[in-house]
Amino acid sequence: MKKSTKGVLALGAAAALLVGGVGSLAYWTDSETVPGGTINAGHLDLLTDATNTGCGSWTLDTGESAPSTYAAGDPLVPGDVLSKTCAFTISAEGNHLRAQVSASASNLTGNLAPGLSVSATGLTVNGVAATEFTEADDGQALGVTVSVEFTDPGTADNTFNSSSTQFQAVLDDITVTAQQIHS
């Protein structure tokens, strides 16, 4: 056989080996296990306890030597302000937990309702004005003050209330809400 024929055959055999070997080329691989585990949720609660007992009684302003306690049904006069102070314990657990605090809008019904103004103010966390708190405030006090003021409904001639007509209003519950936010 000629040298050139032998060379062509060798070259063809080498090519056949290369082409046939492409499918059998092995790439290296390795794997590791990522261990699972328990995932726990935090929590957010407003609680009443021995320290922060919820809401106290209604109190009447004492600007005119009026009694400081108020009993349901006691008649009010324009300018009177009833207040109720509430305190709750914050129970907040969770990494980077943040909550906004708000009080629901008040709702008054009855024929005295136009003469009353209601506000939920004085939101505090541990005695400091605040509208939000974090898990660092766990166990601290959340406070709010609800006030009802008898404003003059525009009848300065005292016809607003007479012995023949009973004027009264009903204040619906006001809800203090702590809502978790995430940014």
N, C-alpha and C. Protein backbone atom coordinates (compact mmCIF):
# COMPACT_ATOMS: atom_id res chain seq x y z
N MET A 1 0.82 -1.16 0.00
CA MET A 1 0.00 0.00 0.00
C MET A 1 0.87 1.23 0.00
N LYS A 2 0.36 2.19 -0.59
CA LYS A 2 1.13 3.41 -0.68
C LYS A 2 1.03 4.17 0.61
N LYS A 3 2.05 4.92 0.80
CA LYS A 3 2.09 5.74 2.00
C LYS A 3 0.93 6.71 2.04
N SER A 4 0.57 7.25 0.95
CA SER A 4 -0.52 8.21 0.95
C SER A 4 -1.85 7.53 1.25
N THR A 5 -2.05 6.32 0.80
CA THR A 5 -3.28 5.60 1.09
C THR A 5 -3.33 5.25 2.56
N LYS A 6 -2.21 4.82 3.10
CA LYS A 6 -2.14 4.52 4.52
C LYS A 6 -2.43 5.77 5.35
N GLY A 7 -1.94 6.88 4.92
CA GLY A 7 -2.17 8.14 5.63
C GLY A 7 -3.63 8.54 5.60
N VAL A 8 -4.29 8.35 4.43
CA VAL A 8 -5.70 8.69 4.29
C VAL A 8 -6.52 7.76 5.17
N LEU A 9 -6.19 6.46 5.18
CA LEU A 9 -6.91 5.52 6.02
C LEU A 9 -6.72 5.85 7.50
N ALA A 10 -5.54 6.21 7.91
CA ALA A 10 -5.27 6.57 9.30
C ALA A 10 -6.05 7.83 9.68
N LEU A 11 -6.05 8.76 8.76
CA LEU A 11 -6.78 10.00 9.00
C LEU A 11 -8.29 9.72 9.11
N GLY A 12 -8.82 8.87 8.25
CA GLY A 12 -10.23 8.50 8.30
C GLY A 12 -10.57 7.77 9.58
N ALA A 13 -9.69 6.87 10.02
CA ALA A 13 -9.92 6.13 11.27
C ALA A 13 -9.92 7.09 12.46
N ALA A 14 -9.02 8.04 12.45
CA ALA A 14 -8.94 9.02 13.54
C ALA A 14 -10.20 9.88 13.57
N ALA A 15 -10.67 10.28 12.37
CA ALA A 15 -11.89 11.09 12.30
C ALA A 15 -13.10 10.30 12.81
N ALA A 16 -13.16 9.01 12.42
CA ALA A 16 -14.26 8.16 12.86
C ALA A 16 -14.24 8.01 14.38
N LEU A 17 -13.05 7.87 14.93
CA LEU A 17 -12.94 7.77 16.39
C LEU A 17 -13.39 9.07 17.08
N LEU A 18 -13.00 10.20 16.50
CA LEU A 18 -13.40 11.49 17.07
C LEU A 18 -14.91 11.70 17.00
N VAL A 19 -15.50 11.40 15.84
CA VAL A 19 -16.94 11.57 15.66
C VAL A 19 -17.69 10.62 16.58
N GLY A 20 -17.26 9.39 16.65
CA GLY A 20 -17.92 8.42 17.52
C GLY A 20 -17.73 8.75 18.99
N GLY A 21 -16.66 9.40 19.35
CA GLY A 21 -16.37 9.72 20.75
C GLY A 21 -17.09 10.95 21.26
N VAL A 22 -17.70 11.77 20.37
CA VAL A 22 -18.37 13.00 20.81
C VAL A 22 -19.52 12.66 21.74
N GLY A 23 -20.28 11.67 21.45
CA GLY A 23 -21.41 11.30 22.27
C GLY A 23 -21.01 10.69 23.60
N SER A 24 -19.83 10.25 23.73
CA SER A 24 -19.42 9.61 24.97
C SER A 24 -18.55 10.49 25.85
N LEU A 25 -18.41 11.76 25.47
CA LEU A 25 -17.61 12.67 26.27
C LEU A 25 -18.34 12.92 27.59
N ALA A 26 -17.72 12.68 28.70
CA ALA A 26 -18.36 12.82 30.01
C ALA A 26 -17.93 14.14 30.64
N TYR A 27 -18.94 14.96 31.06
CA TYR A 27 -18.65 16.19 31.81
C TYR A 27 -18.72 15.86 33.28
N TRP A 28 -17.92 16.53 34.07
CA TRP A 28 -17.92 16.28 35.49
C TRP A 28 -19.14 16.90 36.13
N THR A 29 -19.68 16.26 37.11
CA THR A 29 -20.81 16.79 37.89
C THR A 29 -20.58 16.48 39.36
N ASP A 30 -21.26 17.25 40.19
CA ASP A 30 -21.22 17.02 41.63
C ASP A 30 -22.50 17.62 42.21
N SER A 31 -22.90 17.20 43.37
CA SER A 31 -24.10 17.76 44.01
C SER A 31 -23.89 17.80 45.51
N GLU A 32 -24.60 18.71 46.13
CA GLU A 32 -24.62 18.85 47.59
C GLU A 32 -26.06 19.03 48.01
N THR A 33 -26.38 18.66 49.20
CA THR A 33 -27.74 18.78 49.74
C THR A 33 -27.88 20.09 50.51
N VAL A 34 -28.96 20.80 50.23
CA VAL A 34 -29.31 21.99 51.02
C VAL A 34 -30.28 21.51 52.09
N PRO A 35 -29.85 21.57 53.36
CA PRO A 35 -30.72 21.02 54.41
C PRO A 35 -31.98 21.87 54.60
N GLY A 36 -33.11 21.22 54.82
CA GLY A 36 -34.37 21.90 55.14
C GLY A 36 -34.40 22.21 56.62
N GLY A 37 -35.49 22.71 57.09
CA GLY A 37 -35.62 23.02 58.51
C GLY A 37 -36.98 23.58 58.82
N THR A 38 -37.24 23.82 60.07
CA THR A 38 -38.52 24.37 60.52
C THR A 38 -38.54 25.87 60.29
N ILE A 39 -39.65 26.36 59.81
CA ILE A 39 -39.85 27.79 59.60
C ILE A 39 -40.99 28.22 60.50
N ASN A 40 -40.73 29.18 61.38
CA ASN A 40 -41.72 29.65 62.35
C ASN A 40 -42.21 31.03 61.98
N ALA A 41 -43.48 31.29 62.21
CA ALA A 41 -44.06 32.61 61.97
C ALA A 41 -43.99 33.43 63.26
N GLY A 42 -43.82 34.73 63.11
CA GLY A 42 -43.91 35.64 64.25
C GLY A 42 -45.38 35.91 64.54
N HIS A 43 -45.64 36.94 65.33
CA HIS A 43 -47.03 37.30 65.62
C HIS A 43 -47.14 38.78 65.98
N LEU A 44 -48.35 39.27 65.92
CA LEU A 44 -48.67 40.65 66.25
C LEU A 44 -50.00 40.64 66.99
N ASP A 45 -49.99 41.14 68.21
CA ASP A 45 -51.20 41.17 69.04
C ASP A 45 -51.24 42.43 69.88
N LEU A 46 -52.43 42.91 70.16
CA LEU A 46 -52.65 43.93 71.18
C LEU A 46 -53.42 43.23 72.29
N LEU A 47 -52.85 43.23 73.49
CA LEU A 47 -53.39 42.45 74.60
C LEU A 47 -53.80 43.35 75.77
N THR A 48 -54.69 42.84 76.57
CA THR A 48 -54.94 43.46 77.87
C THR A 48 -54.38 42.49 78.91
N ASP A 49 -53.77 43.06 79.94
CA ASP A 49 -53.18 42.25 81.01
C ASP A 49 -53.28 43.03 82.31
N ALA A 50 -52.56 42.59 83.33
CA ALA A 50 -52.63 43.25 84.63
C ALA A 50 -52.09 44.68 84.58
N THR A 51 -51.16 44.96 83.68
CA THR A 51 -50.57 46.30 83.58
C THR A 51 -51.38 47.21 82.66
N ASN A 52 -51.72 46.71 81.48
CA ASN A 52 -52.47 47.49 80.49
C ASN A 52 -53.84 46.84 80.33
N THR A 53 -54.80 47.41 81.04
CA THR A 53 -56.10 46.76 81.24
C THR A 53 -57.16 47.14 80.21
N GLY A 54 -56.77 47.72 79.10
CA GLY A 54 -57.77 48.13 78.10
C GLY A 54 -58.22 49.54 78.35
N CYS A 55 -59.52 49.77 78.30
CA CYS A 55 -60.06 51.12 78.41
C CYS A 55 -60.64 51.37 79.80
N GLY A 56 -60.38 52.56 80.30
CA GLY A 56 -60.95 52.97 81.58
C GLY A 56 -62.35 53.52 81.38
N SER A 57 -62.86 54.16 82.41
CA SER A 57 -64.20 54.75 82.37
C SER A 57 -64.15 56.08 81.64
N TRP A 58 -65.32 56.53 81.19
CA TRP A 58 -65.43 57.87 80.64
C TRP A 58 -65.21 58.87 81.76
N THR A 59 -64.46 59.90 81.48
CA THR A 59 -64.28 60.99 82.45
C THR A 59 -64.74 62.29 81.80
N LEU A 60 -65.27 63.17 82.62
CA LEU A 60 -65.77 64.45 82.16
C LEU A 60 -64.74 65.51 82.49
N ASP A 61 -64.55 66.47 81.57
CA ASP A 61 -63.60 67.55 81.85
C ASP A 61 -64.00 68.26 83.13
N THR A 62 -63.03 68.86 83.79
CA THR A 62 -63.31 69.49 85.08
C THR A 62 -63.16 71.00 85.03
N GLY A 63 -63.38 71.59 83.86
CA GLY A 63 -63.21 73.03 83.70
C GLY A 63 -64.18 73.87 84.51
N GLU A 64 -65.35 73.39 84.83
CA GLU A 64 -66.36 74.16 85.58
C GLU A 64 -66.70 73.48 86.90
N SER A 65 -65.72 72.87 87.52
CA SER A 65 -65.93 72.13 88.77
C SER A 65 -66.96 71.03 88.60
N ALA A 66 -67.06 70.49 87.40
CA ALA A 66 -67.97 69.38 87.13
C ALA A 66 -67.37 68.11 87.71
N PRO A 67 -68.19 67.14 88.02
CA PRO A 67 -67.63 65.89 88.53
C PRO A 67 -66.72 65.25 87.47
N SER A 68 -65.66 64.62 87.94
CA SER A 68 -64.72 64.05 86.98
C SER A 68 -65.16 62.68 86.48
N THR A 69 -66.15 62.09 87.11
CA THR A 69 -66.66 60.81 86.62
C THR A 69 -67.92 61.07 85.81
N TYR A 70 -68.22 60.16 84.92
CA TYR A 70 -69.39 60.30 84.07
C TYR A 70 -70.16 59.00 84.10
N ALA A 71 -71.42 59.09 84.38
CA ALA A 71 -72.28 57.91 84.35
C ALA A 71 -73.12 57.97 83.09
N ALA A 72 -73.32 56.83 82.47
CA ALA A 72 -74.13 56.77 81.26
C ALA A 72 -75.46 57.45 81.51
N GLY A 73 -75.83 58.32 80.61
CA GLY A 73 -77.09 59.04 80.75
C GLY A 73 -76.97 60.39 81.40
N ASP A 74 -75.82 60.72 82.03
CA ASP A 74 -75.65 62.05 82.60
C ASP A 74 -75.77 63.07 81.46
N PRO A 75 -76.53 64.15 81.66
CA PRO A 75 -76.69 65.14 80.60
C PRO A 75 -75.43 65.99 80.41
N LEU A 76 -75.11 66.24 79.17
CA LEU A 76 -73.98 67.10 78.83
C LEU A 76 -74.49 68.45 78.38
N VAL A 77 -73.62 69.46 78.49
CA VAL A 77 -73.94 70.79 77.99
C VAL A 77 -72.86 71.17 76.98
N PRO A 78 -73.16 72.10 76.07
CA PRO A 78 -72.15 72.49 75.10
C PRO A 78 -70.84 72.89 75.78
N GLY A 79 -69.76 72.39 75.24
CA GLY A 79 -68.43 72.64 75.79
C GLY A 79 -67.89 71.47 76.59
N ASP A 80 -68.77 70.57 77.07
CA ASP A 80 -68.30 69.40 77.81
C ASP A 80 -67.48 68.48 76.91
N VAL A 81 -66.47 67.86 77.52
CA VAL A 81 -65.64 66.89 76.80
C VAL A 81 -65.56 65.62 77.64
N LEU A 82 -65.97 64.52 77.05
CA LEU A 82 -65.82 63.20 77.67
C LEU A 82 -64.57 62.56 77.08
N SER A 83 -63.79 61.90 77.93
CA SER A 83 -62.57 61.24 77.45
C SER A 83 -62.48 59.84 78.03
N LYS A 84 -61.90 58.96 77.24
CA LYS A 84 -61.64 57.59 77.67
C LYS A 84 -60.23 57.24 77.22
N THR A 85 -59.41 56.82 78.18
CA THR A 85 -58.03 56.46 77.88
C THR A 85 -57.91 54.94 77.89
N CYS A 86 -57.24 54.42 76.87
CA CYS A 86 -57.07 52.97 76.73
C CYS A 86 -55.59 52.63 76.65
N ALA A 87 -55.23 51.48 77.21
CA ALA A 87 -53.85 51.01 77.16
C ALA A 87 -53.85 49.51 76.89
N PHE A 88 -53.03 49.11 75.92
CA PHE A 88 -52.89 47.72 75.54
C PHE A 88 -51.41 47.35 75.58
N THR A 89 -51.11 46.08 75.74
CA THR A 89 -49.72 45.61 75.70
C THR A 89 -49.44 45.10 74.30
N ILE A 90 -48.32 45.57 73.74
CA ILE A 90 -47.90 45.13 72.41
C ILE A 90 -47.22 43.77 72.53
N SER A 91 -47.68 42.83 71.74
CA SER A 91 -47.03 41.53 71.64
C SER A 91 -46.59 41.40 70.19
N ALA A 92 -45.30 41.60 69.93
CA ALA A 92 -44.78 41.62 68.56
C ALA A 92 -43.51 40.79 68.50
N GLU A 93 -43.54 39.76 67.68
CA GLU A 93 -42.37 38.91 67.51
C GLU A 93 -42.17 38.62 66.04
N GLY A 94 -40.96 38.84 65.56
CA GLY A 94 -40.64 38.57 64.16
C GLY A 94 -39.51 39.48 63.73
N ASN A 95 -38.61 38.94 62.93
CA ASN A 95 -37.50 39.75 62.44
C ASN A 95 -38.03 40.85 61.54
N HIS A 96 -37.58 42.03 61.77
CA HIS A 96 -37.95 43.29 61.11
C HIS A 96 -39.47 43.47 60.97
N LEU A 97 -40.21 43.12 62.04
CA LEU A 97 -41.65 43.38 62.08
C LEU A 97 -41.87 44.88 62.30
N ARG A 98 -42.75 45.44 61.55
CA ARG A 98 -43.14 46.85 61.70
C ARG A 98 -44.65 46.91 61.54
N ALA A 99 -45.32 47.67 62.40
CA ALA A 99 -46.77 47.79 62.33
C ALA A 99 -47.19 49.24 62.44
N GLN A 100 -48.19 49.62 61.67
CA GLN A 100 -48.79 50.94 61.77
C GLN A 100 -50.00 50.85 62.70
N VAL A 101 -50.21 51.90 63.46
CA VAL A 101 -51.32 51.94 64.41
C VAL A 101 -52.30 53.02 63.96
N SER A 102 -53.59 52.67 64.01
CA SER A 102 -54.61 53.65 63.66
C SER A 102 -55.87 53.36 64.48
N ALA A 103 -56.75 54.32 64.50
CA ALA A 103 -58.05 54.15 65.16
C ALA A 103 -59.12 54.38 64.10
N SER A 104 -60.14 53.55 64.14
CA SER A 104 -61.21 53.65 63.14
C SER A 104 -61.97 54.97 63.31
N ALA A 105 -62.60 55.38 62.24
CA ALA A 105 -63.43 56.58 62.29
C ALA A 105 -64.61 56.32 63.21
N SER A 106 -65.04 57.35 63.88
CA SER A 106 -66.17 57.19 64.80
C SER A 106 -67.48 57.32 64.05
N ASN A 107 -68.49 56.71 64.59
CA ASN A 107 -69.82 56.80 64.00
C ASN A 107 -70.82 57.13 65.11
N LEU A 108 -71.52 58.22 64.93
CA LEU A 108 -72.55 58.65 65.88
C LEU A 108 -73.91 58.60 65.22
N THR A 109 -74.89 58.12 65.94
CA THR A 109 -76.26 58.16 65.44
C THR A 109 -77.14 58.79 66.50
N GLY A 110 -78.25 59.34 66.08
CA GLY A 110 -79.21 59.97 67.00
C GLY A 110 -79.32 61.45 66.74
N ASN A 111 -80.33 62.06 67.34
CA ASN A 111 -80.59 63.48 67.08
C ASN A 111 -79.58 64.42 67.75
N LEU A 112 -78.76 63.91 68.68
CA LEU A 112 -77.71 64.73 69.28
C LEU A 112 -76.39 64.64 68.50
N ALA A 113 -76.30 63.68 67.58
CA ALA A 113 -75.06 63.44 66.84
C ALA A 113 -74.48 64.68 66.15
N PRO A 114 -75.30 65.55 65.54
CA PRO A 114 -74.71 66.74 64.89
C PRO A 114 -74.00 67.68 65.87
N GLY A 115 -74.33 67.58 67.15
CA GLY A 115 -73.73 68.45 68.14
C GLY A 115 -72.51 67.87 68.81
N LEU A 116 -72.06 66.68 68.37
CA LEU A 116 -70.90 66.03 69.00
C LEU A 116 -69.76 65.88 68.01
N SER A 117 -68.57 65.97 68.54
CA SER A 117 -67.36 65.77 67.75
C SER A 117 -66.52 64.71 68.46
N VAL A 118 -66.11 63.67 67.71
CA VAL A 118 -65.36 62.56 68.30
C VAL A 118 -63.97 62.49 67.67
N SER A 119 -62.97 62.24 68.51
CA SER A 119 -61.62 62.07 67.99
C SER A 119 -60.91 60.97 68.78
N ALA A 120 -60.09 60.23 68.08
CA ALA A 120 -59.20 59.24 68.71
C ALA A 120 -57.79 59.76 68.50
N THR A 121 -57.20 60.23 69.57
CA THR A 121 -55.90 60.89 69.48
C THR A 121 -54.95 60.29 70.51
N GLY A 122 -53.79 60.85 70.55
CA GLY A 122 -52.84 60.46 71.58
C GLY A 122 -52.33 59.05 71.43
N LEU A 123 -52.19 58.56 70.19
CA LEU A 123 -51.59 57.25 70.01
C LEU A 123 -50.15 57.29 70.50
N THR A 124 -49.82 56.43 71.45
CA THR A 124 -48.48 56.41 72.03
C THR A 124 -47.96 54.97 72.12
N VAL A 125 -46.65 54.85 72.06
CA VAL A 125 -45.97 53.59 72.36
C VAL A 125 -45.03 53.88 73.51
N ASN A 126 -45.31 53.22 74.63
CA ASN A 126 -44.55 53.43 75.86
C ASN A 126 -44.50 54.90 76.26
N GLY A 127 -45.63 55.59 76.08
CA GLY A 127 -45.75 56.98 76.50
C GLY A 127 -45.24 58.01 75.51
N VAL A 128 -44.71 57.58 74.36
CA VAL A 128 -44.17 58.50 73.36
C VAL A 128 -45.09 58.48 72.14
N ALA A 129 -45.44 59.66 71.64
CA ALA A 129 -46.31 59.74 70.47
C ALA A 129 -45.74 58.91 69.33
N ALA A 130 -46.59 58.09 68.71
CA ALA A 130 -46.14 57.21 67.63
C ALA A 130 -47.32 56.77 66.79
N THR A 131 -47.06 56.43 65.55
CA THR A 131 -48.08 55.84 64.68
C THR A 131 -47.65 54.46 64.21
N GLU A 132 -46.47 54.00 64.64
CA GLU A 132 -46.04 52.65 64.32
C GLU A 132 -45.07 52.14 65.38
N PHE A 133 -44.85 50.83 65.36
CA PHE A 133 -43.91 50.22 66.29
C PHE A 133 -43.25 49.02 65.62
N THR A 134 -42.21 48.48 66.27
CA THR A 134 -41.48 47.33 65.74
C THR A 134 -41.42 46.24 66.81
N GLU A 135 -40.77 45.12 66.46
CA GLU A 135 -40.62 44.02 67.42
C GLU A 135 -39.82 44.44 68.64
N ALA A 136 -39.05 45.51 68.53
CA ALA A 136 -38.30 46.02 69.68
C ALA A 136 -39.24 46.57 70.76
N ASP A 137 -40.50 46.87 70.39
CA ASP A 137 -41.48 47.39 71.34
C ASP A 137 -42.32 46.29 71.98
N ASP A 138 -41.95 45.03 71.78
CA ASP A 138 -42.66 43.91 72.38
C ASP A 138 -42.73 44.11 73.90
N GLY A 139 -43.93 43.99 74.45
CA GLY A 139 -44.13 44.15 75.89
C GLY A 139 -44.39 45.58 76.33
N GLN A 140 -44.28 46.55 75.43
CA GLN A 140 -44.51 47.95 75.78
C GLN A 140 -46.00 48.28 75.71
N ALA A 141 -46.36 49.43 76.24
CA ALA A 141 -47.76 49.88 76.27
C ALA A 141 -48.10 50.67 75.01
N LEU A 142 -49.26 50.36 74.45
CA LEU A 142 -49.83 51.14 73.35
C LEU A 142 -51.03 51.88 73.92
N GLY A 143 -51.01 53.20 73.83
CA GLY A 143 -52.09 54.00 74.41
C GLY A 143 -52.85 54.79 73.36
N VAL A 144 -54.12 55.07 73.65
CA VAL A 144 -54.95 55.90 72.79
C VAL A 144 -55.99 56.58 73.68
N THR A 145 -56.35 57.81 73.33
CA THR A 145 -57.38 58.55 74.05
C THR A 145 -58.51 58.89 73.08
N VAL A 146 -59.72 58.54 73.47
CA VAL A 146 -60.91 58.87 72.68
C VAL A 146 -61.63 60.00 73.40
N SER A 147 -61.96 61.06 72.66
CA SER A 147 -62.65 62.21 73.24
C SER A 147 -63.92 62.51 72.47
N VAL A 148 -64.95 62.85 73.22
CA VAL A 148 -66.23 63.26 72.64
C VAL A 148 -66.52 64.66 73.18
N GLU A 149 -66.64 65.62 72.29
CA GLU A 149 -66.91 67.01 72.70
C GLU A 149 -68.30 67.41 72.25
N PHE A 150 -69.04 68.01 73.17
CA PHE A 150 -70.35 68.54 72.85
C PHE A 150 -70.14 69.95 72.32
N THR A 151 -70.20 70.09 71.01
CA THR A 151 -70.05 71.40 70.38
C THR A 151 -71.44 71.97 70.15
N ASP A 152 -71.57 73.27 70.11
CA ASP A 152 -72.88 73.89 69.89
C ASP A 152 -73.32 73.61 68.46
N PRO A 153 -74.46 72.98 68.27
CA PRO A 153 -74.91 72.66 66.92
C PRO A 153 -75.51 73.85 66.18
N GLY A 154 -75.35 75.04 66.72
CA GLY A 154 -75.81 76.23 66.03
C GLY A 154 -77.13 76.77 66.53
N THR A 155 -77.61 76.30 67.65
CA THR A 155 -78.87 76.82 68.19
C THR A 155 -78.56 77.47 69.54
N ALA A 156 -78.14 78.69 69.50
CA ALA A 156 -77.73 79.42 70.70
C ALA A 156 -78.91 79.80 71.58
N ASP A 157 -80.12 79.65 71.10
CA ASP A 157 -81.27 80.06 71.90
C ASP A 157 -81.80 78.94 72.81
N ASN A 158 -81.05 77.88 73.00
CA ASN A 158 -81.38 76.80 73.92
C ASN A 158 -82.59 75.97 73.47
N THR A 159 -82.94 76.05 72.17
CA THR A 159 -84.03 75.20 71.68
C THR A 159 -83.52 73.83 71.26
N PHE A 160 -82.21 73.63 71.35
CA PHE A 160 -81.63 72.34 70.97
C PHE A 160 -82.17 71.23 71.86
N ASN A 161 -82.32 71.52 73.11
CA ASN A 161 -82.82 70.51 74.04
C ASN A 161 -83.89 71.15 74.91
N SER A 162 -85.03 70.54 74.97
CA SER A 162 -86.10 71.05 75.82
C SER A 162 -86.69 69.87 76.58
N SER A 163 -87.50 70.18 77.55
CA SER A 163 -88.08 69.11 78.36
C SER A 163 -89.02 68.23 77.54
N SER A 164 -89.52 68.73 76.41
CA SER A 164 -90.45 67.94 75.61
C SER A 164 -89.75 67.03 74.59
N THR A 165 -88.50 67.28 74.32
CA THR A 165 -87.76 66.47 73.35
C THR A 165 -86.48 65.94 73.98
N GLN A 166 -86.29 64.65 73.92
CA GLN A 166 -85.06 64.05 74.45
C GLN A 166 -84.03 63.94 73.33
N PHE A 167 -82.92 64.63 73.50
CA PHE A 167 -81.84 64.55 72.52
C PHE A 167 -80.77 63.61 73.05
N GLN A 168 -80.37 62.69 72.22
CA GLN A 168 -79.32 61.76 72.61
C GLN A 168 -78.61 61.23 71.37
N ALA A 169 -77.48 60.62 71.60
CA ALA A 169 -76.70 60.03 70.51
C ALA A 169 -76.08 58.73 71.01
N VAL A 170 -75.78 57.86 70.08
CA VAL A 170 -75.10 56.61 70.39
C VAL A 170 -73.78 56.62 69.63
N LEU A 171 -72.69 56.40 70.37
CA LEU A 171 -71.36 56.31 69.79
C LEU A 171 -71.04 54.84 69.56
N ASP A 172 -70.80 54.46 68.30
CA ASP A 172 -70.41 53.09 68.00
C ASP A 172 -68.98 52.84 68.48
N ASP A 173 -68.63 51.58 68.60
CA ASP A 173 -67.27 51.20 69.02
C ASP A 173 -66.24 51.79 68.08
N ILE A 174 -65.11 52.15 68.64
CA ILE A 174 -63.95 52.60 67.86
C ILE A 174 -62.90 51.51 67.98
N THR A 175 -62.33 51.11 66.87
CA THR A 175 -61.36 50.02 66.85
C THR A 175 -59.95 50.56 66.69
N VAL A 176 -59.06 50.16 67.59
CA VAL A 176 -57.65 50.48 67.47
C VAL A 176 -57.00 49.29 66.75
N THR A 177 -56.30 49.58 65.65
CA THR A 177 -55.74 48.52 64.82
C THR A 177 -54.25 48.69 64.67
N ALA A 178 -53.54 47.58 64.85
CA ALA A 178 -52.11 47.52 64.53
C ALA A 178 -52.00 46.61 63.32
N GLN A 179 -51.50 47.16 62.20
CA GLN A 179 -51.42 46.40 60.96
C GLN A 179 -49.96 46.30 60.53
N GLN A 180 -49.51 45.06 60.34
CA GLN A 180 -48.13 44.82 59.94
C GLN A 180 -47.89 45.37 58.54
N ILE A 181 -46.78 46.06 58.38
CA ILE A 181 -46.38 46.58 57.07
C ILE A 181 -45.00 46.04 56.76
N HIS A 182 -44.67 46.01 55.51
CA HIS A 182 -43.35 45.50 55.10
C HIS A 182 -42.85 46.37 53.96
N SER A 183 -41.66 46.89 54.12
CA SER A 183 -41.11 47.72 53.05
C SER A 183 -39.77 47.22 52.62
